[in-house]
N, C-alpha and C. Protein backbone atom coordinates (compact mmCIF):
# COMPACT_ATOMS: atom_id res chain seq x y z
N MET A 1 85.15 83.26 98.87
CA MET A 1 86.00 84.36 98.52
C MET A 1 87.05 84.55 99.36
N SER A 2 88.25 84.68 98.68
CA SER A 2 89.43 84.95 99.53
C SER A 2 90.07 86.27 99.14
N TYR A 3 91.01 86.64 99.85
CA TYR A 3 91.81 87.97 99.55
C TYR A 3 93.32 87.62 99.22
N PHE A 4 93.76 88.33 98.37
CA PHE A 4 95.15 88.14 97.90
C PHE A 4 95.83 89.31 97.78
N ALA A 5 97.07 89.51 98.41
CA ALA A 5 97.83 90.74 98.48
C ALA A 5 98.86 90.58 97.32
N VAL A 6 98.71 91.47 96.61
CA VAL A 6 99.70 91.46 95.26
C VAL A 6 100.75 92.69 95.37
N PHE A 7 101.97 92.29 95.70
CA PHE A 7 103.02 93.43 95.79
C PHE A 7 103.46 93.45 94.36
N LEU A 8 103.66 94.81 93.97
CA LEU A 8 104.00 95.18 92.75
C LEU A 8 105.47 95.86 92.79
N PRO A 9 106.50 95.25 93.00
CA PRO A 9 107.89 95.96 93.20
C PRO A 9 108.16 96.69 91.79
N MET A 10 108.75 97.94 92.15
CA MET A 10 109.20 98.71 90.93
C MET A 10 110.51 98.08 90.19
N LEU A 11 110.28 97.98 89.03
CA LEU A 11 111.42 97.46 88.13
C LEU A 11 111.87 98.55 87.15
N SER A 12 111.02 99.52 86.87
CA SER A 12 111.45 100.59 85.92
C SER A 12 110.55 101.81 86.31
N SER A 13 111.12 102.86 86.86
CA SER A 13 110.29 104.05 87.22
C SER A 13 109.78 104.82 85.91
N LYS A 14 110.74 104.59 84.89
CA LYS A 14 110.40 105.27 83.54
C LYS A 14 109.11 104.64 82.93
N LYS A 15 109.21 103.38 82.93
CA LYS A 15 107.98 102.59 82.37
C LYS A 15 106.88 102.87 83.18
N SER A 16 107.00 102.91 84.51
CA SER A 16 105.79 103.08 85.40
C SER A 16 105.13 104.52 85.09
N GLU A 17 105.92 105.45 84.84
CA GLU A 17 105.48 106.73 84.42
C GLU A 17 104.73 106.72 83.19
N GLU A 18 105.26 106.14 82.20
CA GLU A 18 104.68 105.98 80.84
C GLU A 18 103.40 105.22 80.79
N HIS A 19 103.09 104.31 81.66
CA HIS A 19 102.23 103.39 81.61
C HIS A 19 101.10 103.48 82.74
N ARG A 20 101.30 104.64 83.62
CA ARG A 20 100.50 104.93 84.84
C ARG A 20 99.03 104.91 84.47
N GLN A 21 98.75 105.72 83.50
CA GLN A 21 97.17 105.79 83.23
C GLN A 21 96.61 104.54 82.72
N ALA A 22 97.35 103.68 82.00
CA ALA A 22 96.85 102.41 81.50
C ALA A 22 96.54 101.43 82.85
N HIS A 23 97.63 101.53 83.70
CA HIS A 23 97.60 100.81 84.87
C HIS A 23 96.25 101.20 85.86
N LEU A 24 96.07 102.55 85.93
CA LEU A 24 95.02 103.03 86.75
C LEU A 24 93.69 102.60 86.03
N ASP A 25 93.67 102.63 84.76
CA ASP A 25 92.36 102.34 84.06
C ASP A 25 92.09 100.78 84.29
N PHE A 26 93.16 100.08 84.25
CA PHE A 26 93.08 98.53 84.41
C PHE A 26 92.41 98.40 85.85
N LEU A 27 93.02 99.01 86.86
CA LEU A 27 92.47 98.80 88.32
C LEU A 27 91.02 99.21 88.31
N ALA A 28 90.71 100.27 87.70
CA ALA A 28 89.33 100.85 87.72
C ALA A 28 88.55 99.74 87.24
N GLU A 29 88.77 99.21 86.15
CA GLU A 29 88.00 98.13 85.59
C GLU A 29 87.78 96.88 86.58
N GLN A 30 88.99 96.69 87.20
CA GLN A 30 88.91 95.54 88.20
C GLN A 30 87.93 95.91 89.36
N GLU A 31 88.02 97.14 89.92
CA GLU A 31 87.22 97.60 90.85
C GLU A 31 85.63 97.46 90.39
N ARG A 32 85.42 97.87 89.21
CA ARG A 32 83.96 97.83 88.80
C ARG A 32 83.53 96.43 88.72
N GLU A 33 84.40 95.50 88.50
CA GLU A 33 83.95 94.10 88.51
C GLU A 33 84.08 93.43 89.94
N GLY A 34 84.41 94.15 90.88
CA GLY A 34 84.29 93.79 92.27
C GLY A 34 85.50 92.93 92.71
N ARG A 35 86.45 93.17 92.00
CA ARG A 35 87.71 92.19 92.28
C ARG A 35 88.84 92.89 93.16
N VAL A 36 88.79 94.24 93.45
CA VAL A 36 89.77 95.03 94.21
C VAL A 36 89.16 95.31 95.57
N PHE A 37 89.83 94.98 96.64
CA PHE A 37 89.52 95.41 97.99
C PHE A 37 90.17 96.64 98.35
N ALA A 38 91.47 96.76 98.02
CA ALA A 38 92.31 97.98 98.39
C ALA A 38 93.32 98.12 97.46
N LYS A 39 93.94 99.32 97.39
CA LYS A 39 95.15 99.47 96.42
C LYS A 39 95.85 100.78 96.81
N GLY A 40 97.03 100.87 96.43
CA GLY A 40 97.81 102.11 96.61
C GLY A 40 99.30 101.96 96.59
N PRO A 41 100.11 103.03 96.30
CA PRO A 41 101.52 103.04 96.05
C PRO A 41 102.19 103.09 97.34
N PHE A 42 103.30 102.59 97.47
CA PHE A 42 104.29 102.84 98.65
C PHE A 42 104.98 104.09 98.51
N LEU A 43 104.90 104.98 99.50
CA LEU A 43 105.36 106.23 99.54
C LEU A 43 106.84 106.26 99.39
N ASP A 44 107.55 105.37 99.48
CA ASP A 44 109.05 105.38 99.33
C ASP A 44 109.36 105.10 97.82
N GLY A 45 108.47 104.77 96.92
CA GLY A 45 108.73 104.66 95.43
C GLY A 45 109.15 103.32 95.20
N SER A 46 108.93 102.29 96.14
CA SER A 46 109.47 100.92 95.85
C SER A 46 108.39 100.15 95.06
N GLY A 47 107.12 100.72 94.90
CA GLY A 47 106.14 99.83 94.16
C GLY A 47 104.79 100.21 94.74
N GLY A 48 103.96 99.15 94.83
CA GLY A 48 102.64 99.41 95.28
C GLY A 48 101.97 97.99 95.60
N LEU A 49 100.78 97.98 96.16
CA LEU A 49 100.02 96.79 96.69
C LEU A 49 98.73 96.97 96.12
N VAL A 50 98.27 95.79 95.75
CA VAL A 50 96.54 95.56 95.40
C VAL A 50 96.29 94.44 96.12
N ILE A 51 95.14 94.73 96.81
CA ILE A 51 94.43 93.37 97.45
C ILE A 51 93.24 93.27 96.68
N TYR A 52 93.30 91.83 96.00
CA TYR A 52 92.42 91.47 95.11
C TYR A 52 91.41 90.45 95.98
N LYS A 53 90.20 90.29 95.51
CA LYS A 53 89.29 89.25 96.03
C LYS A 53 89.11 88.31 94.87
N GLY A 54 89.20 86.93 95.25
CA GLY A 54 88.97 85.97 94.19
C GLY A 54 89.01 84.43 94.82
N GLU A 55 88.95 83.50 94.01
CA GLU A 55 88.75 82.08 94.45
C GLU A 55 90.09 81.23 94.66
N SER A 56 91.19 81.85 93.87
CA SER A 56 92.44 81.10 93.92
C SER A 56 93.64 81.99 93.51
N VAL A 57 94.88 81.49 93.74
CA VAL A 57 95.96 82.22 93.33
C VAL A 57 96.04 82.12 91.78
N GLU A 58 95.62 81.05 91.18
CA GLU A 58 95.43 81.01 89.63
C GLU A 58 94.75 82.01 89.10
N GLU A 59 93.55 82.17 89.82
CA GLU A 59 92.65 83.30 89.19
C GLU A 59 93.21 84.51 89.30
N ILE A 60 93.90 84.90 90.37
CA ILE A 60 94.47 86.19 90.72
C ILE A 60 95.56 86.36 89.73
N GLN A 61 96.38 85.34 89.52
CA GLN A 61 97.60 85.45 88.49
C GLN A 61 97.09 85.87 87.15
N ARG A 62 95.89 85.17 86.87
CA ARG A 62 95.45 85.41 85.42
C ARG A 62 95.06 86.88 85.26
N ILE A 63 94.72 87.49 86.37
CA ILE A 63 94.33 88.94 86.31
C ILE A 63 95.60 89.88 86.32
N VAL A 64 96.45 89.61 87.23
CA VAL A 64 97.66 90.33 87.41
C VAL A 64 98.53 90.37 86.27
N ILE A 65 98.63 89.35 85.43
CA ILE A 65 99.44 89.33 84.26
C ILE A 65 98.90 90.15 83.18
N GLN A 66 97.74 90.74 83.32
CA GLN A 66 97.07 91.51 82.22
C GLN A 66 97.14 93.02 82.74
N ASP A 67 97.79 93.27 83.83
CA ASP A 67 97.92 94.66 84.36
C ASP A 67 99.19 95.29 83.60
N PRO A 68 98.74 96.35 82.85
CA PRO A 68 99.85 97.02 82.00
C PRO A 68 101.21 97.17 82.57
N TYR A 69 101.24 97.53 83.83
CA TYR A 69 102.61 97.62 84.51
C TYR A 69 103.44 96.31 84.43
N VAL A 70 102.49 95.21 84.64
CA VAL A 70 103.32 93.91 84.50
C VAL A 70 103.60 93.43 83.00
N LYS A 71 102.80 93.74 82.34
CA LYS A 71 102.93 93.45 80.89
C LYS A 71 104.11 94.09 80.24
N VAL A 72 104.28 95.41 80.64
CA VAL A 72 105.36 96.00 79.92
C VAL A 72 106.77 96.03 80.69
N GLY A 73 106.74 95.35 81.80
CA GLY A 73 108.03 95.08 82.60
C GLY A 73 108.16 96.33 83.52
N ALA A 74 107.32 97.15 83.87
CA ALA A 74 107.39 98.32 84.74
C ALA A 74 107.47 97.94 86.10
N ARG A 75 106.71 96.68 86.42
CA ARG A 75 106.67 96.19 87.82
C ARG A 75 106.69 94.67 87.83
N GLY A 76 107.24 94.03 88.82
CA GLY A 76 107.19 92.66 88.91
C GLY A 76 105.89 92.39 89.81
N TYR A 77 105.73 91.12 90.10
CA TYR A 77 104.55 90.90 91.06
C TYR A 77 104.73 89.65 91.96
N GLU A 78 104.32 89.73 93.12
CA GLU A 78 104.27 88.57 94.20
C GLU A 78 102.84 88.53 94.56
N ILE A 79 102.31 87.35 94.66
CA ILE A 79 100.97 87.10 95.20
C ILE A 79 100.91 86.30 96.37
N HIS A 80 100.17 86.65 97.42
CA HIS A 80 100.22 86.00 98.60
C HIS A 80 98.68 85.95 99.13
N GLU A 81 98.20 84.86 99.51
CA GLU A 81 96.85 84.77 99.97
C GLU A 81 96.92 85.44 101.44
N TRP A 82 95.89 86.39 101.79
CA TRP A 82 95.96 87.21 102.79
C TRP A 82 94.69 86.91 103.70
N ALA A 83 94.89 86.73 105.05
CA ALA A 83 93.91 86.64 105.88
C ALA A 83 93.70 88.12 106.65
N MET A 84 92.58 88.74 106.26
CA MET A 84 92.39 89.97 106.94
C MET A 84 91.86 89.68 108.33
N LYS A 85 92.49 90.51 109.27
CA LYS A 85 92.33 90.53 110.65
C LYS A 85 91.76 91.93 111.05
N THR A 86 90.87 91.94 111.94
CA THR A 86 90.38 93.28 112.44
C THR A 86 90.80 93.27 113.95
N VAL A 87 91.06 94.59 114.31
CA VAL A 87 91.64 94.78 115.68
C VAL A 87 90.38 95.07 116.55
């Protein structure tokens, strides 16, 4: 199992507001399925970050493109495999 940091840059604050609940519901479902390690918005309003758990970038991309924010064009996305380090 690998970790993937998914940056969701803001494309439309209006669409983000309109589809916020659908996005949160989607993430809740992903959490129930054990796919989300961490999530949250950036406080400067530039978007948010979700750290998914999965086997490949392709698997995570298949999930991310189902996110309502991405589907309606409220947010873009960038996926990066992430190596968690502890201090």
